[in-house]
Amino acid sequence: MKHILIAAAFGVLASFSYSAEPLNTVCPISGKPANPSITSTYTKTVAVCCNRCKAQFNATPKAYLNNIVNAVTGQCPLSKKKADPSVTVNYTRQVAFADAASKTAFDAAPDKHIKEVRQ
């Protein structure tokens, strides 16, 4: 019973991970090596038109990052059709920075800087 509870707890914790992508090693603001103890979480949720677009996004979310960042309210960022507010996708990424000032700059305009996050 103890092993089942541990396995269940691990499964719950795994479902709350920030993203499948590893933490970046270069600060997107300064270009210096990133410090893994200085991070911010970028999250953007947008409506899409259908479950097909949702599945397409979920298969490779980073491929659609530009579409998500530039999404127009009421329009599916993948198909450009009318979005269904009940069908949404979520892009989440934990980002590391070289220093607190870089984190502050990122947090002030995350959509502007998220595309600069590299490994």
PDB file of N, CA and C in Angstrom:
ATOM      1  N   MET A   1       0.820  -1.195   0.000  1.00  0.00           N
ATOM      2  CA  MET A   1       0.000   0.000   0.000  1.00  0.00           C
ATOM      3  C   MET A   1       0.862   1.257   0.000  1.00  0.00           C
ATOM      4  N   LYS A   2       1.954   1.226   0.769  1.00  0.00           N
ATOM      5  CA  LYS A   2       2.858   2.368   0.853  1.00  0.00           C
ATOM      6  C   LYS A   2       3.441   2.701  -0.526  1.00  0.00           C
ATOM      7  N   HIS A   3       3.801   1.664  -1.309  1.00  0.00           N
ATOM      8  CA  HIS A   3       4.383   1.883  -2.632  1.00  0.00           C
ATOM      9  C   HIS A   3       3.361   2.479  -3.597  1.00  0.00           C
ATOM     10  N   ILE A   4       2.115   2.089  -3.440  1.00  0.00           N
ATOM     11  CA  ILE A   4       1.065   2.628  -4.311  1.00  0.00           C
ATOM     12  C   ILE A   4       0.880   4.109  -4.033  1.00  0.00           C
ATOM     13  N   LEU A   5       0.866   4.498  -2.768  1.00  0.00           N
ATOM     14  CA  LEU A   5       0.712   5.911  -2.419  1.00  0.00           C
ATOM     15  C   LEU A   5       1.883   6.745  -2.920  1.00  0.00           C
ATOM     16  N   ILE A   6       3.088   6.215  -2.799  1.00  0.00           N
ATOM     17  CA  ILE A   6       4.269   6.934  -3.299  1.00  0.00           C
ATOM     18  C   ILE A   6       4.192   7.091  -4.804  1.00  0.00           C
ATOM     19  N   ALA A   7       3.821   6.020  -5.497  1.00  0.00           N
ATOM     20  CA  ALA A   7       3.704   6.081  -6.956  1.00  0.00           C
ATOM     21  C   ALA A   7       2.621   7.069  -7.371  1.00  0.00           C
ATOM     22  N   ALA A   8       1.492   7.068  -6.659  1.00  0.00           N
ATOM     23  CA  ALA A   8       0.412   7.998  -6.969  1.00  0.00           C
ATOM     24  C   ALA A   8       0.857   9.436  -6.725  1.00  0.00           C
ATOM     25  N   ALA A   9       1.547   9.687  -5.625  1.00  0.00           N
ATOM     26  CA  ALA A   9       2.034  11.032  -5.328  1.00  0.00           C
ATOM     27  C   ALA A   9       3.019  11.492  -6.384  1.00  0.00           C
ATOM     28  N   PHE A  10       3.909  10.599  -6.817  1.00  0.00           N
ATOM     29  CA  PHE A  10       4.872  10.958  -7.861  1.00  0.00           C
ATOM     30  C   PHE A  10       4.151  11.317  -9.151  1.00  0.00           C
ATOM     31  N   GLY A  11       3.111  10.557  -9.492  1.00  0.00           N
ATOM     32  CA  GLY A  11       2.341  10.839 -10.700  1.00  0.00           C
ATOM     33  C   GLY A  11       1.680  12.199 -10.644  1.00  0.00           C
ATOM     34  N   VAL A  12       1.140  12.568  -9.481  1.00  0.00           N
ATOM     35  CA  VAL A  12       0.514  13.878  -9.312  1.00  0.00           C
ATOM     36  C   VAL A  12       1.566  14.978  -9.441  1.00  0.00           C
ATOM     37  N   LEU A  13       2.708  14.808  -8.794  1.00  0.00           N
ATOM     38  CA  LEU A  13       3.768  15.812  -8.887  1.00  0.00           C
ATOM     39  C   LEU A  13       4.277  15.938 -10.312  1.00  0.00           C
ATOM     40  N   ALA A  14       4.418  14.831 -11.017  1.00  0.00           N
ATOM     41  CA  ALA A  14       4.904  14.869 -12.393  1.00  0.00           C
ATOM     42  C   ALA A  14       3.944  15.643 -13.283  1.00  0.00           C
ATOM     43  N   SER A  15       2.651  15.598 -13.000  1.00  0.00           N
ATOM     44  CA  SER A  15       1.682  16.301 -13.835  1.00  0.00           C
ATOM     45  C   SER A  15       1.746  17.811 -13.631  1.00  0.00           C
ATOM     46  N   PHE A  16       2.404  18.282 -12.570  1.00  0.00           N
ATOM     47  CA  PHE A  16       2.522  19.705 -12.321  1.00  0.00           C
ATOM     48  C   PHE A  16       3.852  20.279 -12.785  1.00  0.00           C
ATOM     49  N   SER A  17       4.613  19.562 -13.585  1.00  0.00           N
ATOM     50  CA  SER A  17       5.903  20.062 -14.045  1.00  0.00           C
ATOM     51  C   SER A  17       5.701  21.297 -14.919  1.00  0.00           C
ATOM     52  N   TYR A  18       6.687  22.160 -14.957  1.00  0.00           N
ATOM     53  CA  TYR A  18       6.573  23.400 -15.710  1.00  0.00           C
ATOM     54  C   TYR A  18       6.507  23.160 -17.204  1.00  0.00           C
ATOM     55  N   SER A  19       7.304  22.273 -17.714  1.00  0.00           N
ATOM     56  CA  SER A  19       7.269  21.937 -19.127  1.00  0.00           C
ATOM     57  C   SER A  19       8.172  20.759 -19.372  1.00  0.00           C
ATOM     58  N   ALA A  20       8.061  20.235 -20.568  1.00  0.00           N
ATOM     59  CA  ALA A  20       8.908  19.101 -20.937  1.00  0.00           C
ATOM     60  C   ALA A  20      10.305  19.582 -21.327  1.00  0.00           C
ATOM     61  N   GLU A  21      10.455  20.866 -21.503  1.00  0.00           N
ATOM     62  CA  GLU A  21      11.742  21.414 -21.924  1.00  0.00           C
ATOM     63  C   GLU A  21      12.683  21.587 -20.740  1.00  0.00           C
ATOM     64  N   PRO A  22      13.965  21.310 -20.948  1.00  0.00           N
ATOM     65  CA  PRO A  22      14.919  21.524 -19.861  1.00  0.00           C
ATOM     66  C   PRO A  22      15.098  23.019 -19.581  1.00  0.00           C
ATOM     67  N   LEU A  23      15.569  23.326 -18.400  1.00  0.00           N
ATOM     68  CA  LEU A  23      15.825  24.708 -18.026  1.00  0.00           C
ATOM     69  C   LEU A  23      16.902  25.290 -18.941  1.00  0.00           C
ATOM     70  N   ASN A  24      16.689  26.490 -19.410  1.00  0.00           N
ATOM     71  CA  ASN A  24      17.656  27.124 -20.310  1.00  0.00           C
ATOM     72  C   ASN A  24      18.975  27.400 -19.590  1.00  0.00           C
ATOM     73  N   THR A  25      20.068  27.400 -20.348  1.00  0.00           N
ATOM     74  CA  THR A  25      21.390  27.635 -19.768  1.00  0.00           C
ATOM     75  C   THR A  25      21.929  29.028 -20.088  1.00  0.00           C
ATOM     76  N   VAL A  26      21.238  29.747 -20.970  1.00  0.00           N
ATOM     77  CA  VAL A  26      21.637  31.107 -21.349  1.00  0.00           C
ATOM     78  C   VAL A  26      20.490  32.052 -21.018  1.00  0.00           C
ATOM     79  N   CYS A  27      20.803  33.131 -20.334  1.00  0.00           N
ATOM     80  CA  CYS A  27      19.796  34.125 -19.961  1.00  0.00           C
ATOM     81  C   CYS A  27      19.235  34.790 -21.225  1.00  0.00           C
ATOM     82  N   PRO A  28      17.899  34.829 -21.394  1.00  0.00           N
ATOM     83  CA  PRO A  28      17.319  35.450 -22.586  1.00  0.00           C
ATOM     84  C   PRO A  28      17.446  36.969 -22.611  1.00  0.00           C
ATOM     85  N   ILE A  29      17.782  37.587 -21.504  1.00  0.00           N
ATOM     86  CA  ILE A  29      17.902  39.042 -21.434  1.00  0.00           C
ATOM     87  C   ILE A  29      19.351  39.479 -21.621  1.00  0.00           C
ATOM     88  N   SER A  30      20.263  38.918 -20.825  1.00  0.00           N
ATOM     89  CA  SER A  30      21.657  39.372 -20.846  1.00  0.00           C
ATOM     90  C   SER A  30      22.552  38.572 -21.782  1.00  0.00           C
ATOM     91  N   GLY A  31      22.142  37.344 -22.106  1.00  0.00           N
ATOM     92  CA  GLY A  31      22.988  36.482 -22.925  1.00  0.00           C
ATOM     93  C   GLY A  31      24.092  35.791 -22.128  1.00  0.00           C
ATOM     94  N   LYS A  32      24.131  36.052 -20.820  1.00  0.00           N
ATOM     95  CA  LYS A  32      25.129  35.430 -19.941  1.00  0.00           C
ATOM     96  C   LYS A  32      24.620  34.055 -19.498  1.00  0.00           C
ATOM     97  N   PRO A  33      25.499  33.228 -18.895  1.00  0.00           N
ATOM     98  CA  PRO A  33      25.043  31.936 -18.377  1.00  0.00           C
ATOM     99  C   PRO A  33      23.916  32.125 -17.347  1.00  0.00           C
ATOM    100  N   ALA A  34      22.877  31.314 -17.473  1.00  0.00           N
ATOM    101  CA  ALA A  34      21.733  31.414 -16.571  1.00  0.00           C
ATOM    102  C   ALA A  34      22.027  30.738 -15.245  1.00  0.00           C
ATOM    103  N   ASN A  35      21.494  31.311 -14.176  1.00  0.00           N
ATOM    104  CA  ASN A  35      21.605  30.760 -12.834  1.00  0.00           C
ATOM    105  C   ASN A  35      20.315  29.985 -12.558  1.00  0.00           C
ATOM    106  N   PRO A  36      20.379  28.664 -12.386  1.00  0.00           N
ATOM    107  CA  PRO A  36      19.156  27.875 -12.205  1.00  0.00           C
ATOM    108  C   PRO A  36      18.368  28.200 -10.933  1.00  0.00           C
ATOM    109  N   SER A  37      18.925  29.016 -10.048  1.00  0.00           N
ATOM    110  CA  SER A  37      18.184  29.390  -8.838  1.00  0.00           C
ATOM    111  C   SER A  37      17.398  30.692  -9.023  1.00  0.00           C
ATOM    112  N   ILE A  38      17.570  31.362 -10.168  1.00  0.00           N
ATOM    113  CA  ILE A  38      16.816  32.588 -10.462  1.00  0.00           C
ATOM    114  C   ILE A  38      15.908  32.273 -11.642  1.00  0.00           C
ATOM    115  N   THR A  39      14.631  32.011 -11.364  1.00  0.00           N
ATOM    116  CA  THR A  39      13.714  31.594 -12.426  1.00  0.00           C
ATOM    117  C   THR A  39      12.392  32.334 -12.365  1.00  0.00           C
ATOM    118  N   SER A  40      11.689  32.231 -13.458  1.00  0.00           N
ATOM    119  CA  SER A  40      10.340  32.752 -13.570  1.00  0.00           C
ATOM    120  C   SER A  40       9.568  31.745 -14.415  1.00  0.00           C
ATOM    121  N   THR A  41       8.278  31.666 -14.232  1.00  0.00           N
ATOM    122  CA  THR A  41       7.463  30.763 -15.031  1.00  0.00           C
ATOM    123  C   THR A  41       6.607  31.566 -15.987  1.00  0.00           C
ATOM    124  N   TYR A  42       6.791  31.304 -17.279  1.00  0.00           N
ATOM    125  CA  TYR A  42       5.987  31.940 -18.324  1.00  0.00           C
ATOM    126  C   TYR A  42       4.793  31.038 -18.599  1.00  0.00           C
ATOM    127  N   THR A  43       3.602  31.592 -18.577  1.00  0.00           N
ATOM    128  CA  THR A  43       2.395  30.833 -18.900  1.00  0.00           C
ATOM    129  C   THR A  43       1.494  31.686 -19.777  1.00  0.00           C
ATOM    130  N   LYS A  44       1.006  31.080 -20.831  1.00  0.00           N
ATOM    131  CA  LYS A  44       0.071  31.775 -21.717  1.00  0.00           C
ATOM    132  C   LYS A  44      -1.019  30.780 -22.103  1.00  0.00           C
ATOM    133  N   THR A  45      -2.271  31.135 -21.864  1.00  0.00           N
ATOM    134  CA  THR A  45      -3.408  30.301 -22.213  1.00  0.00           C
ATOM    135  C   THR A  45      -4.233  31.028 -23.259  1.00  0.00           C
ATOM    136  N   VAL A  46      -4.562  30.324 -24.332  1.00  0.00           N
ATOM    137  CA  VAL A  46      -5.387  30.910 -25.393  1.00  0.00           C
ATOM    138  C   VAL A  46      -6.430  29.894 -25.847  1.00  0.00           C
ATOM    139  N   ALA A  47      -7.516  30.401 -26.382  1.00  0.00           N
ATOM    140  CA  ALA A  47      -8.566  29.553 -26.932  1.00  0.00           C
ATOM    141  C   ALA A  47      -8.211  29.163 -28.360  1.00  0.00           C
ATOM    142  N   VAL A  48      -8.559  27.937 -28.718  1.00  0.00           N
ATOM    143  CA  VAL A  48      -8.389  27.449 -30.091  1.00  0.00           C
ATOM    144  C   VAL A  48      -9.768  27.086 -30.626  1.00  0.00           C
ATOM    145  N   CYS A  49      -9.849  26.732 -31.898  1.00  0.00           N
ATOM    146  CA  CYS A  49     -11.161  26.502 -32.509  1.00  0.00           C
ATOM    147  C   CYS A  49     -11.735  25.113 -32.260  1.00  0.00           C
ATOM    148  N   CYS A  50     -10.863  24.112 -32.045  1.00  0.00           N
ATOM    149  CA  CYS A  50     -11.364  22.737 -31.955  1.00  0.00           C
ATOM    150  C   CYS A  50     -10.353  21.830 -31.250  1.00  0.00           C
ATOM    151  N   ASN A  51     -10.795  20.626 -30.957  1.00  0.00           N
ATOM    152  CA  ASN A  51      -9.912  19.657 -30.312  1.00  0.00           C
ATOM    153  C   ASN A  51      -8.786  19.192 -31.229  1.00  0.00           C
ATOM    154  N   ARG A  52      -8.976  19.272 -32.519  1.00  0.00           N
ATOM    155  CA  ARG A  52      -7.906  18.911 -33.456  1.00  0.00           C
ATOM    156  C   ARG A  52      -6.726  19.884 -33.315  1.00  0.00           C
ATOM    157  N   CYS A  53      -7.017  21.170 -33.267  1.00  0.00           N
ATOM    158  CA  CYS A  53      -5.956  22.167 -33.072  1.00  0.00           C
ATOM    159  C   CYS A  53      -5.325  22.004 -31.689  1.00  0.00           C
ATOM    160  N   LYS A  54      -6.135  21.681 -30.690  1.00  0.00           N
ATOM    161  CA  LYS A  54      -5.619  21.470 -29.348  1.00  0.00           C
ATOM    162  C   LYS A  54      -4.639  20.298 -29.334  1.00  0.00           C
ATOM    163  N   ALA A  55      -4.993  19.200 -29.977  1.00  0.00           N
ATOM    164  CA  ALA A  55      -4.114  18.028 -30.041  1.00  0.00           C
ATOM    165  C   ALA A  55      -2.840  18.351 -30.816  1.00  0.00           C
ATOM    166  N   GLN A  56      -2.989  19.103 -31.890  1.00  0.00           N
ATOM    167  CA  GLN A  56      -1.830  19.513 -32.699  1.00  0.00           C
ATOM    168  C   GLN A  56      -0.868  20.347 -31.852  1.00  0.00           C
ATOM    169  N   PHE A  57      -1.395  21.301 -31.102  1.00  0.00           N
ATOM    170  CA  PHE A  57      -0.575  22.129 -30.232  1.00  0.00           C
ATOM    171  C   PHE A  57       0.093  21.290 -29.149  1.00  0.00           C
ATOM    172  N   ASN A  58      -0.691  20.443 -28.487  1.00  0.00           N
ATOM    173  CA  ASN A  58      -0.166  19.647 -27.377  1.00  0.00           C
ATOM    174  C   ASN A  58       0.925  18.674 -27.818  1.00  0.00           C
ATOM    175  N   ALA A  59       0.918  18.257 -29.073  1.00  0.00           N
ATOM    176  CA  ALA A  59       1.948  17.344 -29.578  1.00  0.00           C
ATOM    177  C   ALA A  59       3.307  18.036 -29.651  1.00  0.00           C
ATOM    178  N   THR A  60       3.326  19.308 -30.029  1.00  0.00           N
ATOM    179  CA  THR A  60       4.590  20.061 -30.152  1.00  0.00           C
ATOM    180  C   THR A  60       4.352  21.528 -29.793  1.00  0.00           C
ATOM    181  N   PRO A  61       4.170  21.832 -28.510  1.00  0.00           N
ATOM    182  CA  PRO A  61       3.821  23.206 -28.125  1.00  0.00           C
ATOM    183  C   PRO A  61       4.847  24.260 -28.525  1.00  0.00           C
ATOM    184  N   LYS A  62       6.132  23.960 -28.446  1.00  0.00           N
ATOM    185  CA  LYS A  62       7.131  24.976 -28.776  1.00  0.00           C
ATOM    186  C   LYS A  62       7.058  25.387 -30.244  1.00  0.00           C
ATOM    187  N   ALA A  63       6.622  24.481 -31.103  1.00  0.00           N
ATOM    188  CA  ALA A  63       6.498  24.806 -32.522  1.00  0.00           C
ATOM    189  C   ALA A  63       5.458  25.903 -32.762  1.00  0.00           C
ATOM    190  N   TYR A  64       4.528  26.047 -31.835  1.00  0.00           N
ATOM    191  CA  TYR A  64       3.460  27.040 -31.983  1.00  0.00           C
ATOM    192  C   TYR A  64       3.632  28.239 -31.064  1.00  0.00           C
ATOM    193  N   LEU A  65       4.789  28.381 -30.449  1.00  0.00           N
ATOM    194  CA  LEU A  65       5.009  29.483 -29.509  1.00  0.00           C
ATOM    195  C   LEU A  65       4.742  30.839 -30.153  1.00  0.00           C
ATOM    196  N   ASN A  66       5.247  31.066 -31.337  1.00  0.00           N
ATOM    197  CA  ASN A  66       5.035  32.353 -32.008  1.00  0.00           C
ATOM    198  C   ASN A  66       3.542  32.607 -32.215  1.00  0.00           C
ATOM    199  N   ASN A  67       2.795  31.566 -32.603  1.00  0.00           N
ATOM    200  CA  ASN A  67       1.352  31.707 -32.793  1.00  0.00           C
ATOM    201  C   ASN A  67       0.662  32.064 -31.481  1.00  0.00           C
ATOM    202  N   ILE A  68       1.089  31.426 -30.391  1.00  0.00           N
ATOM    203  CA  ILE A  68       0.467  31.651 -29.087  1.00  0.00           C
ATOM    204  C   ILE A  68       0.767  33.065 -28.577  1.00  0.00           C
ATOM    205  N   VAL A  69       2.014  33.487 -28.694  1.00  0.00           N
ATOM    206  CA  VAL A  69       2.404  34.829 -28.219  1.00  0.00           C
ATOM    207  C   VAL A  69       1.667  35.914 -28.995  1.00  0.00           C
ATOM    208  N   ASN A  70       1.463  35.705 -30.287  1.00  0.00           N
ATOM    209  CA  ASN A  70       0.819  36.713 -31.136  1.00  0.00           C
ATOM    210  C   ASN A  70      -0.666  36.460 -31.347  1.00  0.00           C
ATOM    211  N   ALA A  71      -1.285  35.645 -30.510  1.00  0.00           N
ATOM    212  CA  ALA A  71      -2.692  35.287 -30.674  1.00  0.00           C
ATOM    213  C   ALA A  71      -3.593  36.515 -30.616  1.00  0.00           C
ATOM    214  N   VAL A  72      -4.592  36.511 -31.467  1.00  0.00           N
ATOM    215  CA  VAL A  72      -5.607  37.562 -31.503  1.00  0.00           C
ATOM    216  C   VAL A  72      -6.828  37.034 -30.756  1.00  0.00           C
ATOM    217  N   THR A  73      -7.341  37.799 -29.827  1.00  0.00           N
ATOM    218  CA  THR A  73      -8.509  37.377 -29.056  1.00  0.00           C
ATOM    219  C   THR A  73      -9.661  37.030 -29.987  1.00  0.00           C
ATOM    220  N   GLY A  74     -10.224  35.833 -29.763  1.00  0.00           N
ATOM    221  CA  GLY A  74     -11.360  35.393 -30.572  1.00  0.00           C
ATOM    222  C   GLY A  74     -10.969  34.610 -31.812  1.00  0.00           C
ATOM    223  N   GLN A  75      -9.669  34.491 -32.070  1.00  0.00           N
ATOM    224  CA  GLN A  75      -9.195  33.782 -33.263  1.00  0.00           C
ATOM    225  C   GLN A  75      -8.258  32.650 -32.852  1.00  0.00           C
ATOM    226  N   CYS A  76      -8.454  31.474 -33.437  1.00  0.00           N
ATOM    227  CA  CYS A  76      -7.576  30.341 -33.157  1.00  0.00           C
ATOM    228  C   CYS A  76      -6.181  30.670 -33.686  1.00  0.00           C
ATOM    229  N   PRO A  77      -5.150  30.575 -32.847  1.00  0.00           N
ATOM    230  CA  PRO A  77      -3.802  30.919 -33.296  1.00  0.00           C
ATOM    231  C   PRO A  77      -3.201  29.884 -34.258  1.00  0.00           C
ATOM    232  N   LEU A  78      -3.830  28.730 -34.390  1.00  0.00           N
ATOM    233  CA  LEU A  78      -3.318  27.716 -35.309  1.00  0.00           C
ATOM    234  C   LEU A  78      -4.013  27.775 -36.660  1.00  0.00           C
ATOM    235  N   SER A  79      -5.352  27.734 -36.655  1.00  0.00           N
ATOM    236  CA  SER A  79      -6.106  27.686 -37.913  1.00  0.00           C
ATOM    237  C   SER A  79      -6.562  29.050 -38.413  1.00  0.00           C
ATOM    238  N   LYS A  80      -6.556  30.038 -37.525  1.00  0.00           N
ATOM    239  CA  LYS A  80      -7.047  31.399 -37.787  1.00  0.00           C
ATOM    240  C   LYS A  80      -8.571  31.457 -37.897  1.00  0.00           C
ATOM    241  N   LYS A  81      -9.263  30.359 -37.554  1.00  0.00           N
ATOM    242  CA  LYS A  81     -10.725  30.344 -37.518  1.00  0.00           C
ATOM    243  C   LYS A  81     -11.187  30.945 -36.202  1.00  0.00           C
ATOM    244  N   LYS A  82     -12.511  31.100 -36.048  1.00  0.00           N
ATOM    245  CA  LYS A  82     -13.066  31.621 -34.804  1.00  0.00           C
ATOM    246  C   LYS A  82     -12.746  30.654 -33.670  1.00  0.00           C
ATOM    247  N   ALA A  83     -12.216  31.186 -32.566  1.00  0.00           N
ATOM    248  CA  ALA A  83     -11.850  30.364 -31.415  1.00  0.00           C
ATOM    249  C   ALA A  83     -13.085  29.996 -30.600  1.00  0.00           C
ATOM    250  N   ASP A  84     -13.022  28.824 -29.985  1.00  0.00           N
ATOM    251  CA  ASP A  84     -14.061  28.354 -29.071  1.00  0.00           C
ATOM    252  C   ASP A  84     -13.529  28.557 -27.654  1.00  0.00           C
ATOM    253  N   PRO A  85     -14.103  29.475 -26.873  1.00  0.00           N
ATOM    254  CA  PRO A  85     -13.570  29.768 -25.541  1.00  0.00           C
ATOM    255  C   PRO A  85     -13.537  28.566 -24.589  1.00  0.00           C
ATOM    256  N   SER A  86     -14.271  27.510 -24.910  1.00  0.00           N
ATOM    257  CA  SER A  86     -14.269  26.329 -24.045  1.00  0.00           C
ATOM    258  C   SER A  86     -13.131  25.358 -24.383  1.00  0.00           C
ATOM    259  N   VAL A  87     -12.400  25.621 -25.474  1.00  0.00           N
ATOM    260  CA  VAL A  87     -11.281  24.759 -25.872  1.00  0.00           C
ATOM    261  C   VAL A  87     -10.011  25.614 -25.817  1.00  0.00           C
ATOM    262  N   THR A  88      -9.167  25.349 -24.828  1.00  0.00           N
ATOM    263  CA  THR A  88      -7.969  26.169 -24.651  1.00  0.00           C
ATOM    264  C   THR A  88      -6.701  25.325 -24.653  1.00  0.00           C
ATOM    265  N   VAL A  89      -5.587  25.993 -24.937  1.00  0.00           N
ATOM    266  CA  VAL A  89      -4.258  25.395 -24.829  1.00  0.00           C
ATOM    267  C   VAL A  89      -3.436  26.271 -23.906  1.00  0.00           C
ATOM    268  N   ASN A  90      -2.426  25.663 -23.313  1.00  0.00           N
ATOM    269  CA  ASN A  90      -1.606  26.369 -22.336  1.00  0.00           C
ATOM    270  C   ASN A  90      -0.132  26.108 -22.633  1.00  0.00           C
ATOM    271  N   TYR A  91       0.625  27.167 -22.849  1.00  0.00           N
ATOM    272  CA  TYR A  91       2.074  27.042 -23.012  1.00  0.00           C
ATOM    273  C   TYR A  91       2.716  27.510 -21.713  1.00  0.00           C
ATOM    274  N   THR A  92       3.500  26.641 -21.092  1.00  0.00           N
ATOM    275  CA  THR A  92       4.178  26.968 -19.842  1.00  0.00           C
ATOM    276  C   THR A  92       5.640  26.602 -19.965  1.00  0.00           C
ATOM    277  N   ARG A  93       6.488  27.498 -19.506  1.00  0.00           N
ATOM    278  CA  ARG A  93       7.930  27.258 -19.578  1.00  0.00           C
ATOM    279  C   ARG A  93       8.601  27.921 -18.385  1.00  0.00           C
ATOM    280  N   GLN A  94       9.446  27.183 -17.695  1.00  0.00           N
ATOM    281  CA  GLN A  94      10.247  27.769 -16.628  1.00  0.00           C
ATOM    282  C   GLN A  94      11.502  28.337 -17.287  1.00  0.00           C
ATOM    283  N   VAL A  95      11.834  29.560 -16.936  1.00  0.00           N
ATOM    284  CA  VAL A  95      12.955  30.276 -17.553  1.00  0.00           C
ATOM    285  C   VAL A  95      13.945  30.685 -16.463  1.00  0.00           C
ATOM    286  N   ALA A  96      15.238  30.461 -16.719  1.00  0.00           N
ATOM    287  CA  ALA A  96      16.303  30.852 -15.786  1.00  0.00           C
ATOM    288  C   ALA A  96      16.986  32.124 -16.288  1.00  0.00           C
ATOM    289  N   PHE A  97      17.530  32.903 -15.348  1.00  0.00           N
ATOM    290  CA  PHE A  97      18.161  34.182 -15.671  1.00  0.00           C
ATOM    291  C   PHE A  97      19.539  34.285 -15.042  1.00  0.00           C
ATOM    292  N   ALA A  98      20.353  35.181 -15.557  1.00  0.00           N
ATOM    293  CA  ALA A  98      21.700  35.394 -15.032  1.00  0.00           C
ATOM    294  C   ALA A  98      21.664  36.149 -13.703  1.00  0.00           C
ATOM    295  N   ASP A  99      20.682  37.041 -13.559  1.00  0.00           N
ATOM    296  CA  ASP A  99      20.613  37.872 -12.353  1.00  0.00           C
ATOM    297  C   ASP A  99      19.184  38.359 -12.138  1.00  0.00           C
ATOM    298  N   ALA A 100      18.953  38.971 -10.989  1.00  0.00           N
ATOM    299  CA  ALA A 100      17.616  39.449 -10.628  1.00  0.00           C
ATOM    300  C   ALA A 100      17.123  40.547 -11.568  1.00  0.00           C
ATOM    301  N   ALA A 101      18.016  41.392 -12.048  1.00  0.00           N
ATOM    302  CA  ALA A 101      17.614  42.465 -12.957  1.00  0.00           C
ATOM    303  C   ALA A 101      17.072  41.892 -14.272  1.00  0.00           C
ATOM    304  N   SER A 102      17.684  40.828 -14.758  1.00  0.00           N
ATOM    305  CA  SER A 102      17.205  40.180 -15.985  1.00  0.00           C
ATOM    306  C   SER A 102      15.833  39.564 -15.762  1.00  0.00           C
ATOM    307  N   LYS A 103      15.629  38.947 -14.608  1.00  0.00           N
ATOM    308  CA  LYS A 103      14.328  38.364 -14.271  1.00  0.00           C
ATOM    309  C   LYS A 103      13.265  39.461 -14.227  1.00  0.00           C
ATOM    310  N   THR A 104      13.592  40.578 -13.620  1.00  0.00           N
ATOM    311  CA  THR A 104      12.655  41.696 -13.532  1.00  0.00           C
ATOM    312  C   THR A 104      12.283  42.205 -14.917  1.00  0.00           C
ATOM    313  N   ALA A 105      13.272  42.336 -15.798  1.00  0.00           N
ATOM    314  CA  ALA A 105      13.015  42.792 -17.168  1.00  0.00           C
ATOM    315  C   ALA A 105      12.108  41.804 -17.901  1.00  0.00           C
ATOM    316  N   PHE A 106      12.352  40.511 -17.732  1.00  0.00           N
ATOM    317  CA  PHE A 106      11.536  39.485 -18.373  1.00  0.00           C
ATOM    318  C   PHE A 106      10.104  39.539 -17.834  1.00  0.00           C
ATOM    319  N   ASP A 107       9.968  39.601 -16.519  1.00  0.00           N
ATOM    320  CA  ASP A 107       8.641  39.605 -15.900  1.00  0.00           C
ATOM    321  C   ASP A 107       7.817  40.830 -16.304  1.00  0.00           C
ATOM    322  N   ALA A 108       8.470  41.921 -16.640  1.00  0.00           N
ATOM    323  CA  ALA A 108       7.771  43.137 -17.060  1.00  0.00           C
ATOM    324  C   ALA A 108       7.161  42.994 -18.458  1.00  0.00           C
ATOM    325  N   ALA A 109       7.763  42.173 -19.314  1.00  0.00           N
ATOM    326  CA  ALA A 109       7.270  41.997 -20.685  1.00  0.00           C
ATOM    327  C   ALA A 109       7.571  40.578 -21.173  1.00  0.00           C
ATOM    328  N   PRO A 110       6.948  39.563 -20.554  1.00  0.00           N
ATOM    329  CA  PRO A 110       7.293  38.177 -20.889  1.00  0.00           C
ATOM    330  C   PRO A 110       7.024  37.796 -22.348  1.00  0.00           C
ATOM    331  N   ASP A 111       5.923  38.282 -22.930  1.00  0.00           N
ATOM    332  CA  ASP A 111       5.642  37.943 -24.331  1.00  0.00           C
ATOM    333  C   ASP A 111       6.727  38.466 -25.263  1.00  0.00           C
ATOM    334  N   LYS A 112       7.319  39.578 -24.898  1.00  0.00           N
ATOM    335  CA  LYS A 112       8.382  40.178 -25.712  1.00  0.00           C
ATOM    336  C   LYS A 112       9.653  39.330 -25.677  1.00  0.00           C
ATOM    337  N   HIS A 113       9.931  38.711 -24.531  1.00  0.00           N
ATOM    338  CA  HIS A 113      11.212  38.027 -24.344  1.00  0.00           C
ATOM    339  C   HIS A 113      11.174  36.504 -24.446  1.00  0.00           C
ATOM    340  N   ILE A 114      10.002  35.879 -24.392  1.00  0.00           N
ATOM    341  CA  ILE A 114       9.954  34.416 -24.339  1.00  0.00           C
ATOM    342  C   ILE A 114      10.574  33.770 -25.571  1.00  0.00           C
ATOM    343  N   LYS A 115      10.490  34.417 -26.706  1.00  0.00           N
ATOM    344  CA  LYS A 115      11.055  33.834 -27.939  1.00  0.00           C
ATOM    345  C   LYS A 115      12.584  33.812 -27.906  1.00  0.00           C
ATOM    346  N   GLU A 116      13.184  34.558 -26.990  1.00  0.00           N
ATOM    347  CA  GLU A 116      14.650  34.603 -26.874  1.00  0.00           C
ATOM    348  C   GLU A 116      15.204  33.484 -26.004  1.00  0.00           C
ATOM    349  N   VAL A 117      14.328  32.691 -25.396  1.00  0.00           N
ATOM    350  CA  VAL A 117      14.787  31.606 -24.512  1.00  0.00           C
ATOM    351  C   VAL A 117      15.367  30.491 -25.379  1.00  0.00           C
ATOM    352  N   ARG A 118      16.613  30.199 -25.151  1.00  0.00           N
ATOM    353  CA  ARG A 118      17.322  29.130 -25.860  1.00  0.00           C
ATOM    354  C   ARG A 118      17.898  28.184 -24.815  1.00  0.00           C
ATOM    355  N   GLN A 119      18.390  27.072 -25.266  1.00  0.00           N
ATOM    356  CA  GLN A 119      18.987  26.089 -24.343  1.00  0.00           C
ATOM    357  C   GLN A 119      20.331  26.546 -23.880  1.00  0.00           C
TER     358      GLN A 119
END
